[in-house]
Protein backbone atom coordinates (compact mmCIF):
# COMPACT_ATOMS: atom_id res chain seq x y z
CA MET A 1 165.72 7.06 2.26
CA SER A 2 169.78 5.23 3.57
CA PRO A 3 170.17 5.32 7.44
CA ARG A 4 173.25 6.97 6.85
CA ASP A 5 170.52 9.92 5.54
CA ILE A 6 168.35 8.75 8.81
CA ARG A 7 170.64 9.67 11.54
CA THR A 8 171.91 13.17 9.82
CA LEU A 9 168.16 14.29 9.12
CA HIS A 10 168.91 17.30 11.77
CA LEU A 11 165.19 18.47 13.44
CA LEU A 12 166.10 21.87 13.00
CA LEU A 13 167.81 24.02 9.92
CA THR A 14 170.36 27.39 9.68
CA VAL A 15 168.50 29.20 7.22
CA GLU A 16 170.91 28.21 4.22
CA GLU A 17 169.79 24.79 4.09
CA ALA A 18 166.44 25.12 4.42
CA ALA A 19 166.90 28.11 1.88
CA GLU A 20 168.25 25.35 -0.89
CA GLN A 21 165.65 23.05 0.51
CA LEU A 22 162.90 24.90 -1.01
CA GLY A 23 164.70 25.61 -3.33
CA ILE A 24 165.80 29.41 -2.73
CA GLY A 25 167.85 31.89 -2.32
CA ARG A 26 169.04 32.67 1.05
CA THR A 27 168.15 36.79 0.85
CA LEU A 28 164.45 35.07 0.13
CA MET A 29 164.92 32.67 2.81
CA TYR A 30 165.97 35.64 5.48
CA ALA A 31 162.94 37.60 4.27
CA LEU A 32 160.06 34.96 4.71
CA VAL A 33 161.79 34.40 7.79
CA LYS A 34 161.07 38.38 8.55
CA GLN A 35 158.21 38.22 7.59
CA GLY A 36 157.16 35.05 9.13
CA ALA A 37 155.39 33.68 7.27
CA ILE A 38 158.00 30.12 7.59
CA GLU A 39 158.51 30.21 11.56
CA SER A 40 162.37 30.00 12.87
CA VAL A 41 163.38 29.87 16.76
CA GLN A 42 166.31 31.33 18.05
CA ILE A 43 168.57 30.03 20.28
CA GLY A 44 171.21 31.90 21.52
CA ARG A 45 172.44 34.30 18.70
CA LEU A 46 171.44 31.26 16.45
CA ARG A 47 168.85 31.92 13.80
CA ARG A 48 167.19 27.93 12.62
CA ILE A 49 164.94 26.78 11.25
CA PRO A 50 162.05 23.51 12.30
CA ALA A 51 162.74 20.68 10.11
CA ASP A 52 158.82 20.37 10.01
CA ALA A 53 158.26 24.26 9.49
CA LEU A 54 159.38 23.34 5.88
CA PRO A 55 156.33 21.88 4.88
CA ARG A 56 154.16 23.56 6.79
CA TYR A 57 154.93 26.74 4.13
CA LEU A 58 154.90 24.63 2.31
CA ALA A 59 150.85 24.19 2.89
CA GLN A 60 149.73 27.30 3.73
CA LEU A 61 150.90 28.75 -0.42
CA ARG A 62 149.23 25.91 -1.57
CA THR A 63 145.86 26.54 0.15
CA SER A 64 146.33 30.13 -0.81
CA ILE A 65 146.84 29.25 -4.60
CA SER A 66 144.39 26.39 -4.03
CA GLN A 67 141.50 29.93 -2.95
CA LEU A 68 142.92 32.45 -5.61
CA ASP A 69 142.08 29.52 -8.50
CA GLN A 70 138.54 29.23 -7.03
CA SER A 71 137.95 33.32 -7.15
CA ALA A 72 139.24 33.66 -10.47
CA ALA A 73 136.91 30.54 -11.11
């Protein structure tokens, strides 16, 4: 990570930025936020995704996949 990347590291992401980081579409990201699968916060009228919510979501996905694999075996 370059020094420039560190300066532009945001603690909160727009829904679009978070979707881009996960490699999914904006509509799916909004659906995940609405379902509560991905944490979000509201600041005034703005909806933001905490940057650390994305790794937690991925960990949940991995756990659920692992549990499915174990129950299938």
